[in-house]
Amino acid sequence: MTEHHIEDASTLTGWRKSSYSGSQAGSCIEVNDGYAGGVPVRDSKNPKGPALVVRPEAWASFVSAVNRGELGE
């Protein structure tokens, strides 16, 4: 993967809010499962801002660590 970020994340469709994001406004991340170059992650407060693109295996490892409670609050 050569692309590590997307300057304007609003150019992608199919964003979904993380199930671990709080219900309070301002504490949400969104991911996009349909991007061929990896897993884009963005701040929901800034939909036209940048998105970080993470390798799929790194994202899976991160999600597993969250599910096991290894990252704290």
PDB file of N, CA and C in Angstrom:
ATOM      1  N   MET A   1       0.853  -1.174   0.000  1.00  0.00           N
ATOM      2  CA  MET A   1       0.000   0.000   0.000  1.00  0.00           C
ATOM      3  C   MET A   1       0.895   1.232   0.000  1.00  0.00           C
ATOM      4  N   THR A   2       0.655   2.133  -0.906  1.00  0.00           N
ATOM      5  CA  THR A   2       1.462   3.348  -0.982  1.00  0.00           C
ATOM      6  C   THR A   2       0.746   4.553  -0.390  1.00  0.00           C
ATOM      7  N   GLU A   3      -0.557   4.510  -0.312  1.00  0.00           N
ATOM      8  CA  GLU A   3      -1.333   5.648   0.194  1.00  0.00           C
ATOM      9  C   GLU A   3      -1.622   5.442   1.678  1.00  0.00           C
ATOM     10  N   HIS A   4      -1.176   6.376   2.527  1.00  0.00           N
ATOM     11  CA  HIS A   4      -1.362   6.255   3.964  1.00  0.00           C
ATOM     12  C   HIS A   4      -2.426   7.192   4.505  1.00  0.00           C
ATOM     13  N   HIS A   5      -2.884   8.101   3.646  1.00  0.00           N
ATOM     14  CA  HIS A   5      -3.959   9.009   4.066  1.00  0.00           C
ATOM     15  C   HIS A   5      -4.697   9.510   2.831  1.00  0.00           C
ATOM     16  N   ILE A   6      -5.882  10.022   3.093  1.00  0.00           N
ATOM     17  CA  ILE A   6      -6.719  10.632   2.062  1.00  0.00           C
ATOM     18  C   ILE A   6      -6.975  12.053   2.531  1.00  0.00           C
ATOM     19  N   GLU A   7      -6.616  13.024   1.718  1.00  0.00           N
ATOM     20  CA  GLU A   7      -6.729  14.431   2.122  1.00  0.00           C
ATOM     21  C   GLU A   7      -8.163  14.844   2.447  1.00  0.00           C
ATOM     22  N   ASP A   8      -9.116  14.492   1.595  1.00  0.00           N
ATOM     23  CA  ASP A   8     -10.529  14.853   1.788  1.00  0.00           C
ATOM     24  C   ASP A   8     -11.341  13.568   1.866  1.00  0.00           C
ATOM     25  N   ALA A   9     -11.617  13.130   3.083  1.00  0.00           N
ATOM     26  CA  ALA A   9     -12.306  11.864   3.296  1.00  0.00           C
ATOM     27  C   ALA A   9     -13.734  11.862   2.762  1.00  0.00           C
ATOM     28  N   SER A  10     -14.300  13.035   2.519  1.00  0.00           N
ATOM     29  CA  SER A  10     -15.677  13.089   2.017  1.00  0.00           C
ATOM     30  C   SER A  10     -15.773  12.595   0.573  1.00  0.00           C
ATOM     31  N   THR A  11     -14.634  12.391  -0.083  1.00  0.00           N
ATOM     32  CA  THR A  11     -14.668  11.874  -1.451  1.00  0.00           C
ATOM     33  C   THR A  11     -15.049  10.394  -1.487  1.00  0.00           C
ATOM     34  N   LEU A  12     -15.015   9.726  -0.348  1.00  0.00           N
ATOM     35  CA  LEU A  12     -15.422   8.319  -0.275  1.00  0.00           C
ATOM     36  C   LEU A  12     -16.846   8.210   0.244  1.00  0.00           C
ATOM     37  N   THR A  13     -17.561   7.214  -0.232  1.00  0.00           N
ATOM     38  CA  THR A  13     -18.889   6.909   0.308  1.00  0.00           C
ATOM     39  C   THR A  13     -18.786   5.625   1.122  1.00  0.00           C
ATOM     40  N   GLY A  14     -19.785   5.354   1.922  1.00  0.00           N
ATOM     41  CA  GLY A  14     -19.833   4.107   2.669  1.00  0.00           C
ATOM     42  C   GLY A  14     -19.231   4.165   4.055  1.00  0.00           C
ATOM     43  N   TRP A  15     -19.108   5.349   4.624  1.00  0.00           N
ATOM     44  CA  TRP A  15     -18.582   5.475   5.975  1.00  0.00           C
ATOM     45  C   TRP A  15     -19.585   4.918   6.982  1.00  0.00           C
ATOM     46  N   ARG A  16     -19.074   4.307   8.045  1.00  0.00           N
ATOM     47  CA  ARG A  16     -19.936   3.851   9.139  1.00  0.00           C
ATOM     48  C   ARG A  16     -19.278   4.209  10.460  1.00  0.00           C
ATOM     49  N   LYS A  17     -20.120   4.505  11.429  1.00  0.00           N
ATOM     50  CA  LYS A  17     -19.636   4.864  12.752  1.00  0.00           C
ATOM     51  C   LYS A  17     -19.153   3.611  13.473  1.00  0.00           C
ATOM     52  N   SER A  18     -18.046   3.720  14.147  1.00  0.00           N
ATOM     53  CA  SER A  18     -17.539   2.606  14.930  1.00  0.00           C
ATOM     54  C   SER A  18     -18.530   2.245  16.034  1.00  0.00           C
ATOM     55  N   SER A  19     -18.716   0.966  16.269  1.00  0.00           N
ATOM     56  CA  SER A  19     -19.623   0.529  17.333  1.00  0.00           C
ATOM     57  C   SER A  19     -19.055   0.870  18.711  1.00  0.00           C
ATOM     58  N   TYR A  20     -17.782   1.194  18.798  1.00  0.00           N
ATOM     59  CA  TYR A  20     -17.173   1.565  20.067  1.00  0.00           C
ATOM     60  C   TYR A  20     -17.189   3.060  20.320  1.00  0.00           C
ATOM     61  N   SER A  21     -17.651   3.836  19.377  1.00  0.00           N
ATOM     62  CA  SER A  21     -17.757   5.276  19.580  1.00  0.00           C
ATOM     63  C   SER A  21     -18.885   5.561  20.549  1.00  0.00           C
ATOM     64  N   GLY A  22     -18.698   6.546  21.364  1.00  0.00           N
ATOM     65  CA  GLY A  22     -19.710   6.898  22.345  1.00  0.00           C
ATOM     66  C   GLY A  22     -20.915   7.548  21.703  1.00  0.00           C
ATOM     67  N   SER A  23     -21.986   7.650  22.464  1.00  0.00           N
ATOM     68  CA  SER A  23     -23.199   8.284  21.949  1.00  0.00           C
ATOM     69  C   SER A  23     -23.116   9.805  22.050  1.00  0.00           C
ATOM     70  N   GLN A  24     -22.096  10.315  22.715  1.00  0.00           N
ATOM     71  CA  GLN A  24     -21.930  11.758  22.854  1.00  0.00           C
ATOM     72  C   GLN A  24     -21.375  12.333  21.561  1.00  0.00           C
ATOM     73  N   ALA A  25     -21.868  13.469  21.188  1.00  0.00           N
ATOM     74  CA  ALA A  25     -21.355  14.131  19.983  1.00  0.00           C
ATOM     75  C   ALA A  25     -19.880  14.457  20.183  1.00  0.00           C
ATOM     76  N   GLY A  26     -19.105  14.253  19.151  1.00  0.00           N
ATOM     77  CA  GLY A  26     -17.710  14.626  19.198  1.00  0.00           C
ATOM     78  C   GLY A  26     -16.745  13.518  19.562  1.00  0.00           C
ATOM     79  N   SER A  27     -17.241  12.340  19.879  1.00  0.00           N
ATOM     80  CA  SER A  27     -16.326  11.264  20.263  1.00  0.00           C
ATOM     81  C   SER A  27     -16.457  10.059  19.328  1.00  0.00           C
ATOM     82  N   CYS A  28     -16.608  10.318  18.054  1.00  0.00           N
ATOM     83  CA  CYS A  28     -16.867   9.232  17.116  1.00  0.00           C
ATOM     84  C   CYS A  28     -15.763   9.110  16.069  1.00  0.00           C
ATOM     85  N   ILE A  29     -15.440   7.875  15.755  1.00  0.00           N
ATOM     86  CA  ILE A  29     -14.626   7.635  14.574  1.00  0.00           C
ATOM     87  C   ILE A  29     -15.493   6.869  13.586  1.00  0.00           C
ATOM     88  N   GLU A  30     -15.148   7.006  12.336  1.00  0.00           N
ATOM     89  CA  GLU A  30     -15.851   6.291  11.283  1.00  0.00           C
ATOM     90  C   GLU A  30     -14.828   5.526  10.466  1.00  0.00           C
ATOM     91  N   VAL A  31     -15.244   4.369   9.966  1.00  0.00           N
ATOM     92  CA  VAL A  31     -14.392   3.552   9.116  1.00  0.00           C
ATOM     93  C   VAL A  31     -15.101   3.294   7.800  1.00  0.00           C
ATOM     94  N   ASN A  32     -14.317   2.937   6.819  1.00  0.00           N
ATOM     95  CA  ASN A  32     -14.863   2.653   5.491  1.00  0.00           C
ATOM     96  C   ASN A  32     -14.348   1.286   5.074  1.00  0.00           C
ATOM     97  N   ASP A  33     -15.254   0.327   4.952  1.00  0.00           N
ATOM     98  CA  ASP A  33     -14.866  -1.049   4.636  1.00  0.00           C
ATOM     99  C   ASP A  33     -14.694  -1.312   3.147  1.00  0.00           C
ATOM    100  N   GLY A  34     -15.083  -0.387   2.298  1.00  0.00           N
ATOM    101  CA  GLY A  34     -15.074  -0.651   0.867  1.00  0.00           C
ATOM    102  C   GLY A  34     -13.895  -0.090   0.096  1.00  0.00           C
ATOM    103  N   TYR A  35     -12.858   0.359   0.782  1.00  0.00           N
ATOM    104  CA  TYR A  35     -11.719   0.984   0.114  1.00  0.00           C
ATOM    105  C   TYR A  35     -10.671  -0.088  -0.205  1.00  0.00           C
ATOM    106  N   ALA A  36     -10.262  -0.161  -1.450  1.00  0.00           N
ATOM    107  CA  ALA A  36      -9.347  -1.222  -1.890  1.00  0.00           C
ATOM    108  C   ALA A  36      -7.938  -1.079  -1.318  1.00  0.00           C
ATOM    109  N   GLY A  37      -7.518   0.123  -0.945  1.00  0.00           N
ATOM    110  CA  GLY A  37      -6.147   0.350  -0.499  1.00  0.00           C
ATOM    111  C   GLY A  37      -5.899   0.143   0.971  1.00  0.00           C
ATOM    112  N   GLY A  38      -6.889  -0.279   1.737  1.00  0.00           N
ATOM    113  CA  GLY A  38      -6.750  -0.456   3.177  1.00  0.00           C
ATOM    114  C   GLY A  38      -8.043  -0.073   3.868  1.00  0.00           C
ATOM    115  N   VAL A  39      -7.950   0.285   5.138  1.00  0.00           N
ATOM    116  CA  VAL A  39      -9.126   0.666   5.923  1.00  0.00           C
ATOM    117  C   VAL A  39      -8.994   2.134   6.312  1.00  0.00           C
ATOM    118  N   PRO A  40      -9.739   3.023   5.640  1.00  0.00           N
ATOM    119  CA  PRO A  40      -9.708   4.433   6.022  1.00  0.00           C
ATOM    120  C   PRO A  40     -10.444   4.664   7.348  1.00  0.00           C
ATOM    121  N   VAL A  41      -9.882   5.535   8.171  1.00  0.00           N
ATOM    122  CA  VAL A  41     -10.455   5.907   9.467  1.00  0.00           C
ATOM    123  C   VAL A  41     -10.468   7.432   9.521  1.00  0.00           C
ATOM    124  N   ARG A  42     -11.609   8.002   9.931  1.00  0.00           N
ATOM    125  CA  ARG A  42     -11.694   9.464  10.020  1.00  0.00           C
ATOM    126  C   ARG A  42     -12.435   9.876  11.280  1.00  0.00           C
ATOM    127  N   ASP A  43     -12.289  11.145  11.631  1.00  0.00           N
ATOM    128  CA  ASP A  43     -12.996  11.759  12.744  1.00  0.00           C
ATOM    129  C   ASP A  43     -14.355  12.222  12.222  1.00  0.00           C
ATOM    130  N   SER A  44     -15.425  11.778  12.839  1.00  0.00           N
ATOM    131  CA  SER A  44     -16.765  12.124  12.347  1.00  0.00           C
ATOM    132  C   SER A  44     -17.050  13.623  12.456  1.00  0.00           C
ATOM    133  N   LYS A  45     -16.336  14.332  13.318  1.00  0.00           N
ATOM    134  CA  LYS A  45     -16.547  15.784  13.444  1.00  0.00           C
ATOM    135  C   LYS A  45     -16.000  16.540  12.243  1.00  0.00           C
ATOM    136  N   ASN A  46     -15.135  15.892  11.472  1.00  0.00           N
ATOM    137  CA  ASN A  46     -14.474  16.561  10.357  1.00  0.00           C
ATOM    138  C   ASN A  46     -14.566  15.687   9.102  1.00  0.00           C
ATOM    139  N   PRO A  47     -15.766  15.497   8.544  1.00  0.00           N
ATOM    140  CA  PRO A  47     -15.930  14.578   7.418  1.00  0.00           C
ATOM    141  C   PRO A  47     -15.187  14.979   6.149  1.00  0.00           C
ATOM    142  N   LYS A  48     -14.856  16.261   6.006  1.00  0.00           N
ATOM    143  CA  LYS A  48     -14.089  16.698   4.832  1.00  0.00           C
ATOM    144  C   LYS A  48     -12.594  16.735   5.111  1.00  0.00           C
ATOM    145  N   GLY A  49     -12.231  16.393   6.326  1.00  0.00           N
ATOM    146  CA  GLY A  49     -10.822  16.359   6.698  1.00  0.00           C
ATOM    147  C   GLY A  49     -10.150  15.089   6.219  1.00  0.00           C
ATOM    148  N   PRO A  50      -8.948  14.861   6.670  1.00  0.00           N
ATOM    149  CA  PRO A  50      -8.195  13.695   6.209  1.00  0.00           C
ATOM    150  C   PRO A  50      -8.670  12.405   6.865  1.00  0.00           C
ATOM    151  N   ALA A  51      -8.343  11.312   6.208  1.00  0.00           N
ATOM    152  CA  ALA A  51      -8.564   9.986   6.760  1.00  0.00           C
ATOM    153  C   ALA A  51      -7.228   9.260   6.759  1.00  0.00           C
ATOM    154  N   LEU A  52      -6.962   8.545   7.810  1.00  0.00           N
ATOM    155  CA  LEU A  52      -5.785   7.707   7.898  1.00  0.00           C
ATOM    156  C   LEU A  52      -6.138   6.361   7.276  1.00  0.00           C
ATOM    157  N   VAL A  53      -5.287   5.840   6.408  1.00  0.00           N
ATOM    158  CA  VAL A  53      -5.532   4.541   5.779  1.00  0.00           C
ATOM    159  C   VAL A  53      -4.603   3.523   6.442  1.00  0.00           C
ATOM    160  N   VAL A  54      -5.221   2.519   7.042  1.00  0.00           N
ATOM    161  CA  VAL A  54      -4.504   1.506   7.814  1.00  0.00           C
ATOM    162  C   VAL A  54      -4.526   0.183   7.046  1.00  0.00           C
ATOM    163  N   ARG A  55      -3.425  -0.552   7.095  1.00  0.00           N
ATOM    164  CA  ARG A  55      -3.404  -1.881   6.469  1.00  0.00           C
ATOM    165  C   ARG A  55      -4.481  -2.752   7.107  1.00  0.00           C
ATOM    166  N   PRO A  56      -5.175  -3.589   6.328  1.00  0.00           N
ATOM    167  CA  PRO A  56      -6.251  -4.420   6.880  1.00  0.00           C
ATOM    168  C   PRO A  56      -5.806  -5.287   8.055  1.00  0.00           C
ATOM    169  N   GLU A  57      -4.611  -5.863   7.979  1.00  0.00           N
ATOM    170  CA  GLU A  57      -4.153  -6.718   9.082  1.00  0.00           C
ATOM    171  C   GLU A  57      -3.865  -5.904  10.346  1.00  0.00           C
ATOM    172  N   ALA A  58      -3.402  -4.673  10.186  1.00  0.00           N
ATOM    173  CA  ALA A  58      -3.185  -3.802  11.341  1.00  0.00           C
ATOM    174  C   ALA A  58      -4.520  -3.390  11.966  1.00  0.00           C
ATOM    175  N   TRP A  59      -5.507  -3.113  11.118  1.00  0.00           N
ATOM    176  CA  TRP A  59      -6.834  -2.747  11.633  1.00  0.00           C
ATOM    177  C   TRP A  59      -7.449  -3.925  12.387  1.00  0.00           C
ATOM    178  N   ALA A  60      -7.338  -5.126  11.839  1.00  0.00           N
ATOM    179  CA  ALA A  60      -7.883  -6.320  12.498  1.00  0.00           C
ATOM    180  C   ALA A  60      -7.216  -6.538  13.858  1.00  0.00           C
ATOM    181  N   SER A  61      -5.919  -6.312  13.935  1.00  0.00           N
ATOM    182  CA  SER A  61      -5.191  -6.447  15.193  1.00  0.00           C
ATOM    183  C   SER A  61      -5.664  -5.406  16.207  1.00  0.00           C
ATOM    184  N   PHE A  62      -5.866  -4.174  15.751  1.00  0.00           N
ATOM    185  CA  PHE A  62      -6.365  -3.109  16.616  1.00  0.00           C
ATOM    186  C   PHE A  62      -7.757  -3.450  17.157  1.00  0.00           C
ATOM    187  N   VAL A  63      -8.660  -3.859  16.281  1.00  0.00           N
ATOM    188  CA  VAL A  63     -10.027  -4.199  16.698  1.00  0.00           C
ATOM    189  C   VAL A  63     -10.006  -5.362  17.695  1.00  0.00           C
ATOM    190  N   SER A  64      -9.170  -6.351  17.459  1.00  0.00           N
ATOM    191  CA  SER A  64      -9.064  -7.483  18.390  1.00  0.00           C
ATOM    192  C   SER A  64      -8.591  -7.019  19.762  1.00  0.00           C
ATOM    193  N   ALA A  65      -7.608  -6.116  19.800  1.00  0.00           N
ATOM    194  CA  ALA A  65      -7.118  -5.589  21.072  1.00  0.00           C
ATOM    195  C   ALA A  65      -8.209  -4.815  21.802  1.00  0.00           C
ATOM    196  N   VAL A  66      -8.994  -4.037  21.067  1.00  0.00           N
ATOM    197  CA  VAL A  66     -10.108  -3.311  21.683  1.00  0.00           C
ATOM    198  C   VAL A  66     -11.123  -4.304  22.258  1.00  0.00           C
ATOM    199  N   ASN A  67     -11.467  -5.329  21.476  1.00  0.00           N
ATOM    200  CA  ASN A  67     -12.443  -6.317  21.942  1.00  0.00           C
ATOM    201  C   ASN A  67     -11.963  -7.066  23.185  1.00  0.00           C
ATOM    202  N   ARG A  68     -10.657  -7.242  23.322  1.00  0.00           N
ATOM    203  CA  ARG A  68     -10.109  -7.923  24.500  1.00  0.00           C
ATOM    204  C   ARG A  68      -9.923  -6.968  25.680  1.00  0.00           C
ATOM    205  N   GLY A  69     -10.174  -5.676  25.466  1.00  0.00           N
ATOM    206  CA  GLY A  69     -10.050  -4.695  26.542  1.00  0.00           C
ATOM    207  C   GLY A  69      -8.618  -4.325  26.869  1.00  0.00           C
ATOM    208  N   GLU A  70      -7.711  -4.502  25.939  1.00  0.00           N
ATOM    209  CA  GLU A  70      -6.300  -4.270  26.186  1.00  0.00           C
ATOM    210  C   GLU A  70      -5.861  -2.813  26.084  1.00  0.00           C
ATOM    211  N   LEU A  71      -6.706  -1.936  25.570  1.00  0.00           N
ATOM    212  CA  LEU A  71      -6.277  -0.561  25.313  1.00  0.00           C
ATOM    213  C   LEU A  71      -6.763   0.440  26.341  1.00  0.00           C
ATOM    214  N   GLY A  72      -7.557   0.021  27.280  1.00  0.00           N
ATOM    215  CA  GLY A  72      -8.035   0.936  28.308  1.00  0.00           C
ATOM    216  C   GLY A  72      -9.041   1.934  27.774  1.00  0.00           C
ATOM    217  N   GLU A  73      -9.368   2.897  28.614  1.00  0.00           N
ATOM    218  CA  GLU A  73     -10.347   3.906  28.217  1.00  0.00           C
ATOM    219  C   GLU A  73      -9.705   5.242  28.034  1.00  0.00           C
TER     220      GLU A  73
END
